[in-house]
């Protein structure tokens, strides 16, 4: 149930971001810029310019490398590269993640590729089915008893989109392939988050 919610949230985010971007495109010849290029006065700044003006962001995320929920800080190193760190939790386990994102140019929405590392761990909580469900079904080995605790280091490539406003508010959604380093067990997952940049 939780995984389905994450997937639907991701698709809804993509749809909203695409609609927001499409709403800023000229729809008539009168709204279109004159031939020869964009009008400096009417064209909105690209996401790369916004990222240069707003370098440091804080926010929260669901799903993804943090499991179920977590808090993140993000730094726009330059107009195409950002570094993210976060601390969060799943159901009966803790997590942290670090990832790098490389963004392609865009007006308000920019696609990106990312590579991250996470650690999901738990002590002896007595919970044999920690959430999200893919942890027990796909990432933990059959002979691992989650109720006695576990320690999983994950690496994940990801693709996603980032929507960013001139105010510094940003929303992103991404799909990941979580790969457990020790056993090469893997699972596909999704995540979404919102940041405010300063």
C-alpha atoms as a PDB file:
ATOM      1  CA  UNK A   1       0.000   0.000   0.000  1.00  0.00           C
ATOM      2  CA  UNK A   2       2.796   2.424   0.942  1.00  0.00           C
ATOM      3  CA  UNK A   3       4.755   1.711  -2.247  1.00  0.00           C
ATOM      4  CA  UNK A   4       1.678   2.272  -4.413  1.00  0.00           C
ATOM      5  CA  UNK A   5       1.143   5.613  -2.695  1.00  0.00           C
ATOM      6  CA  UNK A   6       4.727   6.650  -3.467  1.00  0.00           C
ATOM      7  CA  UNK A   7       4.340   5.692  -7.129  1.00  0.00           C
ATOM      8  CA  UNK A   8       1.073   7.612  -7.485  1.00  0.00           C
ATOM      9  CA  UNK A   9       2.596  10.612  -5.710  1.00  0.00           C
ATOM     10  CA  UNK A  10       5.523  10.551  -8.129  1.00  0.00           C
ATOM     11  CA  UNK A  11       3.321  10.400 -11.201  1.00  0.00           C
ATOM     12  CA  UNK A  12       1.096  13.173  -9.823  1.00  0.00           C
ATOM     13  CA  UNK A  13       4.176  15.315  -9.235  1.00  0.00           C
ATOM     14  CA  UNK A  14       5.357  14.766 -12.793  1.00  0.00           C
ATOM     15  CA  UNK A  15       1.926  15.725 -14.112  1.00  0.00           C
ATOM     16  CA  UNK A  16       1.741  18.890 -11.989  1.00  0.00           C
ATOM     17  CA  UNK A  17       5.255  19.953 -12.914  1.00  0.00           C
ATOM     18  CA  UNK A  18       4.603  19.371 -16.610  1.00  0.00           C
ATOM     19  CA  UNK A  19       1.355  21.350 -16.408  1.00  0.00           C
ATOM     20  CA  UNK A  20       3.106  24.212 -14.644  1.00  0.00           C
ATOM     21  CA  UNK A  21       5.777  24.296 -17.322  1.00  0.00           C
ATOM     22  CA  UNK A  22       3.287  24.034 -20.174  1.00  0.00           C
ATOM     23  CA  UNK A  23       1.252  26.879 -18.695  1.00  0.00           C
ATOM     24  CA  UNK A  24       4.165  29.249 -19.265  1.00  0.00           C
ATOM     25  CA  UNK A  25       4.591  28.467 -22.941  1.00  0.00           C
ATOM     26  CA  UNK A  26       3.179  30.979 -25.440  1.00  0.00           C
ATOM     27  CA  UNK A  27      -0.144  29.815 -26.819  1.00  0.00           C
ATOM     28  CA  UNK A  28      -0.729  32.453 -29.516  1.00  0.00           C
ATOM     29  CA  UNK A  29       1.372  34.279 -32.060  1.00  0.00           C
ATOM     30  CA  UNK A  30       0.929  37.492 -30.049  1.00  0.00           C
ATOM     31  CA  UNK A  31       2.450  35.864 -26.974  1.00  0.00           C
ATOM     32  CA  UNK A  32       5.364  34.338 -28.849  1.00  0.00           C
ATOM     33  CA  UNK A  33       8.698  36.203 -28.842  1.00  0.00           C
ATOM     34  CA  UNK A  34       9.814  37.800 -32.097  1.00  0.00           C
ATOM     35  CA  UNK A  35      11.806  35.677 -34.499  1.00  0.00           C
ATOM     36  CA  UNK A  36      15.488  35.703 -33.796  1.00  0.00           C
ATOM     37  CA  UNK A  37      15.326  34.636 -30.155  1.00  0.00           C
ATOM     38  CA  UNK A  38      13.608  35.023 -26.839  1.00  0.00           C
ATOM     39  CA  UNK A  39      12.645  38.433 -25.554  1.00  0.00           C
ATOM     40  CA  UNK A  40      14.868  39.392 -22.649  1.00  0.00           C
ATOM     41  CA  UNK A  41      12.008  41.210 -20.922  1.00  0.00           C
ATOM     42  CA  UNK A  42       9.322  38.514 -21.313  1.00  0.00           C
ATOM     43  CA  UNK A  43      11.224  35.254 -21.011  1.00  0.00           C
ATOM     44  CA  UNK A  44      11.360  33.739 -17.504  1.00  0.00           C
ATOM     45  CA  UNK A  45      14.797  32.932 -16.123  1.00  0.00           C
ATOM     46  CA  UNK A  46      15.928  29.364 -16.688  1.00  0.00           C
ATOM     47  CA  UNK A  47      16.235  26.944 -13.809  1.00  0.00           C
ATOM     48  CA  UNK A  48      20.017  27.205 -14.089  1.00  0.00           C
ATOM     49  CA  UNK A  49      19.900  30.931 -13.325  1.00  0.00           C
ATOM     50  CA  UNK A  50      17.517  30.325 -10.424  1.00  0.00           C
ATOM     51  CA  UNK A  51      19.868  27.678  -9.026  1.00  0.00           C
ATOM     52  CA  UNK A  52      22.754  30.141  -9.141  1.00  0.00           C
ATOM     53  CA  UNK A  53      20.698  32.694  -7.197  1.00  0.00           C
ATOM     54  CA  UNK A  54      19.487  30.166  -4.599  1.00  0.00           C
ATOM     55  CA  UNK A  55      22.313  27.919  -3.455  1.00  0.00           C
ATOM     56  CA  UNK A  56      21.301  26.348  -0.141  1.00  0.00           C
ATOM     57  CA  UNK A  57      18.057  24.426   0.409  1.00  0.00           C
ATOM     58  CA  UNK A  58      16.335  22.618   3.266  1.00  0.00           C
ATOM     59  CA  UNK A  59      13.290  20.399   3.023  1.00  0.00           C
ATOM     60  CA  UNK A  60      11.673  17.011   3.421  1.00  0.00           C
ATOM     61  CA  UNK A  61      11.155  13.924   1.300  1.00  0.00           C
ATOM     62  CA  UNK A  62       9.081  10.763   1.155  1.00  0.00           C
ATOM     63  CA  UNK A  63      10.293   7.427  -0.150  1.00  0.00           C
ATOM     64  CA  UNK A  64      13.585   7.299  -1.985  1.00  0.00           C
ATOM     65  CA  UNK A  65      16.934   6.794  -0.325  1.00  0.00           C
ATOM     66  CA  UNK A  66      15.582   7.643   3.125  1.00  0.00           C
ATOM     67  CA  UNK A  67      13.021   4.840   3.170  1.00  0.00           C
ATOM     68  CA  UNK A  68       9.692   6.389   4.124  1.00  0.00           C
ATOM     69  CA  UNK A  69      10.280   9.951   5.351  1.00  0.00           C
ATOM     70  CA  UNK A  70      13.155  12.244   6.117  1.00  0.00           C
ATOM     71  CA  UNK A  71      14.688  15.702   6.175  1.00  0.00           C
ATOM     72  CA  UNK A  72      17.223  16.897   3.611  1.00  0.00           C
ATOM     73  CA  UNK A  73      19.701  19.675   2.935  1.00  0.00           C
ATOM     74  CA  UNK A  74      20.742  20.424  -0.637  1.00  0.00           C
ATOM     75  CA  UNK A  75      23.550  22.588  -2.009  1.00  0.00           C
ATOM     76  CA  UNK A  76      23.630  23.825  -5.599  1.00  0.00           C
ATOM     77  CA  UNK A  77      27.345  23.575  -6.278  1.00  0.00           C
ATOM     78  CA  UNK A  78      26.842  25.248  -9.648  1.00  0.00           C
ATOM     79  CA  UNK A  79      24.082  25.632 -12.228  1.00  0.00           C
ATOM     80  CA  UNK A  80      24.012  21.909 -13.104  1.00  0.00           C
ATOM     81  CA  UNK A  81      25.335  19.981 -10.064  1.00  0.00           C
ATOM     82  CA  UNK A  82      23.842  19.636  -6.576  1.00  0.00           C
ATOM     83  CA  UNK A  83      24.775  17.599  -3.495  1.00  0.00           C
ATOM     84  CA  UNK A  84      22.102  16.341  -1.092  1.00  0.00           C
ATOM     85  CA  UNK A  85      22.339  14.860   2.386  1.00  0.00           C
ATOM     86  CA  UNK A  86      19.478  13.570   4.496  1.00  0.00           C
ATOM     87  CA  UNK A  87      18.470  11.751   7.651  1.00  0.00           C
ATOM     88  CA  UNK A  88      15.227   9.861   7.968  1.00  0.00           C
ATOM     89  CA  UNK A  89      13.462   6.668   8.846  1.00  0.00           C
ATOM     90  CA  UNK A  90      11.318   3.847   7.640  1.00  0.00           C
ATOM     91  CA  UNK A  91       8.951   1.758   9.723  1.00  0.00           C
ATOM     92  CA  UNK A  92      11.144   0.587  12.628  1.00  0.00           C
ATOM     93  CA  UNK A  93      14.493   1.554  11.114  1.00  0.00           C
ATOM     94  CA  UNK A  94      16.707   4.616  10.688  1.00  0.00           C
ATOM     95  CA  UNK A  95      18.364   5.890   7.527  1.00  0.00           C
ATOM     96  CA  UNK A  96      20.715   8.417   6.019  1.00  0.00           C
ATOM     97  CA  UNK A  97      21.581   9.209   2.427  1.00  0.00           C
ATOM     98  CA  UNK A  98      24.010  11.261   0.340  1.00  0.00           C
ATOM     99  CA  UNK A  99      23.506  11.824  -3.390  1.00  0.00           C
ATOM    100  CA  UNK A 100      24.710  13.924  -6.289  1.00  0.00           C
ATOM    101  CA  UNK A 101      22.415  15.204  -9.041  1.00  0.00           C
ATOM    102  CA  UNK A 102      23.376  16.411 -12.520  1.00  0.00           C
ATOM    103  CA  UNK A 103      20.632  18.489 -14.134  1.00  0.00           C
ATOM    104  CA  UNK A 104      19.935  19.274 -17.765  1.00  0.00           C
ATOM    105  CA  UNK A 105      18.906  22.816 -18.770  1.00  0.00           C
ATOM    106  CA  UNK A 106      15.246  23.749 -18.486  1.00  0.00           C
ATOM    107  CA  UNK A 107      12.965  26.747 -18.068  1.00  0.00           C
ATOM    108  CA  UNK A 108      11.103  25.760 -14.884  1.00  0.00           C
ATOM    109  CA  UNK A 109      11.428  21.978 -15.023  1.00  0.00           C
ATOM    110  CA  UNK A 110      14.761  20.195 -15.472  1.00  0.00           C
ATOM    111  CA  UNK A 111      15.327  16.445 -15.849  1.00  0.00           C
ATOM    112  CA  UNK A 112      18.286  15.006 -13.981  1.00  0.00           C
ATOM    113  CA  UNK A 113      20.333  11.896 -13.309  1.00  0.00           C
ATOM    114  CA  UNK A 114      21.549  11.087  -9.803  1.00  0.00           C
ATOM    115  CA  UNK A 115      23.764   8.672  -7.917  1.00  0.00           C
ATOM    116  CA  UNK A 116      23.341   8.112  -4.201  1.00  0.00           C
ATOM    117  CA  UNK A 117      24.444   6.042  -1.224  1.00  0.00           C
ATOM    118  CA  UNK A 118      22.206   5.153   1.732  1.00  0.00           C
ATOM    119  CA  UNK A 119      22.365   3.225   4.951  1.00  0.00           C
ATOM    120  CA  UNK A 120      19.230   1.597   6.391  1.00  0.00           C
ATOM    121  CA  UNK A 121      19.693   0.021   9.818  1.00  0.00           C
ATOM    122  CA  UNK A 122      17.814  -1.172  12.862  1.00  0.00           C
ATOM    123  CA  UNK A 123      18.441  -2.722  16.238  1.00  0.00           C
ATOM    124  CA  UNK A 124      16.524  -5.641  17.685  1.00  0.00           C
ATOM    125  CA  UNK A 125      13.058  -4.095  17.554  1.00  0.00           C
ATOM    126  CA  UNK A 126      11.071  -7.313  17.253  1.00  0.00           C
ATOM    127  CA  UNK A 127       9.514  -6.066  13.983  1.00  0.00           C
ATOM    128  CA  UNK A 128       9.894  -8.796  11.356  1.00  0.00           C
ATOM    129  CA  UNK A 129       8.344  -6.811   8.472  1.00  0.00           C
ATOM    130  CA  UNK A 130       9.786  -3.283   8.520  1.00  0.00           C
ATOM    131  CA  UNK A 131       8.484  -0.895   5.906  1.00  0.00           C
ATOM    132  CA  UNK A 132       8.643  -0.197   3.068  1.00  0.00           C
ATOM    133  CA  UNK A 133       7.779  -3.757   2.103  1.00  0.00           C
ATOM    134  CA  UNK A 134      10.532  -4.010  -0.486  1.00  0.00           C
ATOM    135  CA  UNK A 135      13.109  -3.997   2.326  1.00  0.00           C
ATOM    136  CA  UNK A 136      12.036  -7.395   3.630  1.00  0.00           C
ATOM    137  CA  UNK A 137      10.939  -8.868   0.305  1.00  0.00           C
ATOM    138  CA  UNK A 138      13.775  -7.726  -1.962  1.00  0.00           C
ATOM    139  CA  UNK A 139      16.737  -6.257  -0.070  1.00  0.00           C
ATOM    140  CA  UNK A 140      17.136  -8.486   2.988  1.00  0.00           C
ATOM    141  CA  UNK A 141      18.421 -12.012   2.437  1.00  0.00           C
ATOM    142  CA  UNK A 142      15.995 -14.886   3.132  1.00  0.00           C
ATOM    143  CA  UNK A 143      18.024 -15.944   6.177  1.00  0.00           C
ATOM    144  CA  UNK A 144      18.109 -12.429   7.683  1.00  0.00           C
ATOM    145  CA  UNK A 145      15.737 -11.855  10.571  1.00  0.00           C
ATOM    146  CA  UNK A 146      14.776  -8.184  10.564  1.00  0.00           C
ATOM    147  CA  UNK A 147      13.389  -8.545  14.093  1.00  0.00           C
ATOM    148  CA  UNK A 148      16.956  -9.061  15.321  1.00  0.00           C
ATOM    149  CA  UNK A 149      18.247  -6.000  13.530  1.00  0.00           C
ATOM    150  CA  UNK A 150      19.944  -5.372  10.192  1.00  0.00           C
ATOM    151  CA  UNK A 151      22.448  -3.075   8.542  1.00  0.00           C
ATOM    152  CA  UNK A 152      22.021  -2.452   4.805  1.00  0.00           C
ATOM    153  CA  UNK A 153      24.279  -0.204   2.736  1.00  0.00           C
ATOM    154  CA  UNK A 154      22.663   0.750  -0.565  1.00  0.00           C
ATOM    155  CA  UNK A 155      23.840   2.441  -3.735  1.00  0.00           C
ATOM    156  CA  UNK A 156      21.284   3.742  -6.191  1.00  0.00           C
ATOM    157  CA  UNK A 157      21.208   5.381  -9.601  1.00  0.00           C
ATOM    158  CA  UNK A 158      18.144   7.550 -10.184  1.00  0.00           C
ATOM    159  CA  UNK A 159      16.407   9.655 -12.808  1.00  0.00           C
ATOM    160  CA  UNK A 160      13.971  12.433 -12.019  1.00  0.00           C
ATOM    161  CA  UNK A 161      12.717  15.941 -12.627  1.00  0.00           C
ATOM    162  CA  UNK A 162      13.073  19.120 -10.563  1.00  0.00           C
ATOM    163  CA  UNK A 163      10.567  21.970 -10.649  1.00  0.00           C
ATOM    164  CA  UNK A 164      11.872  25.263  -9.264  1.00  0.00           C
ATOM    165  CA  UNK A 165      10.259  28.682  -8.877  1.00  0.00           C
ATOM    166  CA  UNK A 166      11.967  32.065  -8.792  1.00  0.00           C
ATOM    167  CA  UNK A 167      11.132  32.316  -5.081  1.00  0.00           C
ATOM    168  CA  UNK A 168      13.434  29.360  -4.382  1.00  0.00           C
ATOM    169  CA  UNK A 169      10.697  26.786  -3.782  1.00  0.00           C
ATOM    170  CA  UNK A 170      11.528  23.469  -5.428  1.00  0.00           C
ATOM    171  CA  UNK A 171       9.766  20.143  -5.882  1.00  0.00           C
ATOM    172  CA  UNK A 172      11.295  16.957  -7.262  1.00  0.00           C
ATOM    173  CA  UNK A 173      10.283  13.413  -8.096  1.00  0.00           C
ATOM    174  CA  UNK A 174      12.504  10.518  -9.033  1.00  0.00           C
ATOM    175  CA  UNK A 175      12.701   6.795  -9.695  1.00  0.00           C
ATOM    176  CA  UNK A 176      15.546   4.719  -8.249  1.00  0.00           C
ATOM    177  CA  UNK A 177      17.066   1.270  -8.421  1.00  0.00           C
ATOM    178  CA  UNK A 178      18.220   0.418  -4.896  1.00  0.00           C
ATOM    179  CA  UNK A 179      21.163  -1.998  -4.914  1.00  0.00           C
ATOM    180  CA  UNK A 180      22.397  -3.565  -1.686  1.00  0.00           C
ATOM    181  CA  UNK A 181      26.179  -3.507  -1.808  1.00  0.00           C
ATOM    182  CA  UNK A 182      26.841  -6.672   0.204  1.00  0.00           C
ATOM    183  CA  UNK A 183      24.532  -9.033  -1.658  1.00  0.00           C
ATOM    184  CA  UNK A 184      23.649  -7.238  -4.918  1.00  0.00           C
ATOM    185  CA  UNK A 185      19.975  -7.698  -4.102  1.00  0.00           C
ATOM    186  CA  UNK A 186      17.977  -4.869  -5.673  1.00  0.00           C
ATOM    187  CA  UNK A 187      14.564  -3.228  -5.820  1.00  0.00           C
ATOM    188  CA  UNK A 188      12.947  -0.400  -7.760  1.00  0.00           C
ATOM    189  CA  UNK A 189      11.576   2.474  -5.727  1.00  0.00           C
ATOM    190  CA  UNK A 190      10.434   6.080  -6.053  1.00  0.00           C
ATOM    191  CA  UNK A 191      10.714   9.255  -4.055  1.00  0.00           C
ATOM    192  CA  UNK A 192       9.558  12.866  -3.989  1.00  0.00           C
ATOM    193  CA  UNK A 193      10.511  15.908  -1.971  1.00  0.00           C
ATOM    194  CA  UNK A 194      10.225  19.659  -1.530  1.00  0.00           C
ATOM    195  CA  UNK A 195      12.959  22.157  -0.675  1.00  0.00           C
ATOM    196  CA  UNK A 196      13.126  25.862   0.025  1.00  0.00           C
ATOM    197  CA  UNK A 197      16.325  27.467  -1.257  1.00  0.00           C
ATOM    198  CA  UNK A 198      17.984  30.624   0.016  1.00  0.00           C
END
